[in-house]
């Protein structure tokens, strides 16, 4: 079992048809979508969790192209602390 800390990260997002699509500003490799803004936030947290687990706590090492989104908001995300 890992300890967790909660950080606030920036979710940049836009609406594309019926979908909200977004990317974390601090970890641009974390991208997701959802039918609502709430679903996008839930999905982006899940995507971030997978990225952190894959990189063993340092998801900032993952890089990708950053997309420019017209909206952003801060969302709390639990991040596991690896010993």
C-alpha atoms as a PDB file:
ATOM      1  CA  UNK A   1       0.000   0.000   0.000  1.00  0.00           C
ATOM      2  CA  UNK A   2       1.366   3.407  -0.963  1.00  0.00           C
ATOM      3  CA  UNK A   3       0.930   6.649   0.893  1.00  0.00           C
ATOM      4  CA  UNK A   4      -0.758   9.422  -1.073  1.00  0.00           C
ATOM      5  CA  UNK A   5      -0.430  13.146  -1.176  1.00  0.00           C
ATOM      6  CA  UNK A   6      -2.891  15.484  -2.867  1.00  0.00           C
ATOM      7  CA  UNK A   7      -1.559  18.069  -5.304  1.00  0.00           C
ATOM      8  CA  UNK A   8      -3.485  20.535  -7.387  1.00  0.00           C
ATOM      9  CA  UNK A   9      -2.714  20.338 -11.095  1.00  0.00           C
ATOM     10  CA  UNK A  10      -4.029  22.376 -14.013  1.00  0.00           C
ATOM     11  CA  UNK A  11      -6.439  20.694 -16.408  1.00  0.00           C
ATOM     12  CA  UNK A  12      -6.563  22.483 -19.762  1.00  0.00           C
ATOM     13  CA  UNK A  13      -9.624  21.464 -21.742  1.00  0.00           C
ATOM     14  CA  UNK A  14     -11.967  22.228 -24.612  1.00  0.00           C
ATOM     15  CA  UNK A  15     -15.309  20.958 -25.870  1.00  0.00           C
ATOM     16  CA  UNK A  16     -15.157  19.016 -29.124  1.00  0.00           C
ATOM     17  CA  UNK A  17     -18.660  18.144 -30.283  1.00  0.00           C
ATOM     18  CA  UNK A  18     -20.245  16.091 -27.503  1.00  0.00           C
ATOM     19  CA  UNK A  19     -16.926  15.496 -25.734  1.00  0.00           C
ATOM     20  CA  UNK A  20     -14.734  17.412 -23.318  1.00  0.00           C
ATOM     21  CA  UNK A  21     -11.048  16.744 -24.044  1.00  0.00           C
ATOM     22  CA  UNK A  22      -8.202  17.763 -21.793  1.00  0.00           C
ATOM     23  CA  UNK A  23      -4.552  17.594 -20.861  1.00  0.00           C
ATOM     24  CA  UNK A  24      -2.659  18.279 -17.630  1.00  0.00           C
ATOM     25  CA  UNK A  25      -0.467  21.367 -18.009  1.00  0.00           C
ATOM     26  CA  UNK A  26       2.149  20.043 -15.595  1.00  0.00           C
ATOM     27  CA  UNK A  27       2.219  16.552 -17.153  1.00  0.00           C
ATOM     28  CA  UNK A  28       1.333  17.005 -20.843  1.00  0.00           C
ATOM     29  CA  UNK A  29       1.490  13.261 -21.538  1.00  0.00           C
ATOM     30  CA  UNK A  30      -1.704  12.882 -19.472  1.00  0.00           C
ATOM     31  CA  UNK A  31      -4.616  13.352 -21.887  1.00  0.00           C
ATOM     32  CA  UNK A  32      -8.214  12.137 -21.639  1.00  0.00           C
ATOM     33  CA  UNK A  33     -11.821  12.843 -22.574  1.00  0.00           C
ATOM     34  CA  UNK A  34     -15.300  12.614 -21.090  1.00  0.00           C
ATOM     35  CA  UNK A  35     -18.938  13.248 -21.958  1.00  0.00           C
ATOM     36  CA  UNK A  36     -19.088  15.865 -19.160  1.00  0.00           C
ATOM     37  CA  UNK A  37     -16.526  18.039 -17.397  1.00  0.00           C
ATOM     38  CA  UNK A  38     -16.939  15.879 -14.275  1.00  0.00           C
ATOM     39  CA  UNK A  39     -16.281  12.708 -16.285  1.00  0.00           C
ATOM     40  CA  UNK A  40     -13.219  14.325 -17.887  1.00  0.00           C
ATOM     41  CA  UNK A  41     -11.848  15.179 -14.430  1.00  0.00           C
ATOM     42  CA  UNK A  42     -12.405  11.597 -13.250  1.00  0.00           C
ATOM     43  CA  UNK A  43     -10.789  10.181 -16.393  1.00  0.00           C
ATOM     44  CA  UNK A  44      -7.804  12.552 -16.228  1.00  0.00           C
ATOM     45  CA  UNK A  45      -7.202  11.503 -12.619  1.00  0.00           C
ATOM     46  CA  UNK A  46      -7.264   7.845 -13.718  1.00  0.00           C
ATOM     47  CA  UNK A  47      -4.889   8.561 -16.622  1.00  0.00           C
ATOM     48  CA  UNK A  48      -2.547  10.457 -14.281  1.00  0.00           C
ATOM     49  CA  UNK A  49      -2.606   7.561 -11.794  1.00  0.00           C
ATOM     50  CA  UNK A  50      -1.613   5.102 -14.525  1.00  0.00           C
ATOM     51  CA  UNK A  51       1.197   7.400 -15.668  1.00  0.00           C
ATOM     52  CA  UNK A  52       2.541   7.825 -12.128  1.00  0.00           C
ATOM     53  CA  UNK A  53       2.471   4.076 -11.510  1.00  0.00           C
ATOM     54  CA  UNK A  54       4.217   3.419 -14.831  1.00  0.00           C
ATOM     55  CA  UNK A  55       6.984   5.947 -14.109  1.00  0.00           C
ATOM     56  CA  UNK A  56       7.177   4.946 -10.415  1.00  0.00           C
ATOM     57  CA  UNK A  57       6.232   8.335  -9.039  1.00  0.00           C
ATOM     58  CA  UNK A  58       7.837  10.690 -11.548  1.00  0.00           C
ATOM     59  CA  UNK A  59       5.265  11.241 -14.279  1.00  0.00           C
ATOM     60  CA  UNK A  60       6.968  14.529 -15.205  1.00  0.00           C
ATOM     61  CA  UNK A  61       9.555  12.461 -17.103  1.00  0.00           C
ATOM     62  CA  UNK A  62       6.857  11.638 -19.658  1.00  0.00           C
ATOM     63  CA  UNK A  63       6.764  14.167 -22.444  1.00  0.00           C
ATOM     64  CA  UNK A  64       4.452  14.747 -25.345  1.00  0.00           C
ATOM     65  CA  UNK A  65       3.270  17.592 -27.517  1.00  0.00           C
ATOM     66  CA  UNK A  66       1.329  20.202 -25.553  1.00  0.00           C
ATOM     67  CA  UNK A  67      -1.995  21.192 -27.092  1.00  0.00           C
ATOM     68  CA  UNK A  68      -3.425  24.669 -26.567  1.00  0.00           C
ATOM     69  CA  UNK A  69      -6.854  24.493 -24.924  1.00  0.00           C
ATOM     70  CA  UNK A  70      -9.155  27.494 -24.448  1.00  0.00           C
ATOM     71  CA  UNK A  71     -10.128  26.657 -20.833  1.00  0.00           C
ATOM     72  CA  UNK A  72      -8.344  25.539 -17.696  1.00  0.00           C
ATOM     73  CA  UNK A  73      -9.165  24.720 -14.099  1.00  0.00           C
ATOM     74  CA  UNK A  74      -7.281  23.449 -11.070  1.00  0.00           C
ATOM     75  CA  UNK A  75      -8.223  19.991  -9.825  1.00  0.00           C
ATOM     76  CA  UNK A  76      -6.926  18.043  -6.816  1.00  0.00           C
ATOM     77  CA  UNK A  77      -5.234  14.768  -7.738  1.00  0.00           C
ATOM     78  CA  UNK A  78      -4.010  12.100  -5.298  1.00  0.00           C
ATOM     79  CA  UNK A  79      -0.464  11.104  -6.086  1.00  0.00           C
ATOM     80  CA  UNK A  80       1.128   7.982  -4.566  1.00  0.00           C
ATOM     81  CA  UNK A  81       4.385   8.530  -2.703  1.00  0.00           C
ATOM     82  CA  UNK A  82       6.935   5.850  -3.598  1.00  0.00           C
ATOM     83  CA  UNK A  83       9.625   5.056  -1.049  1.00  0.00           C
END
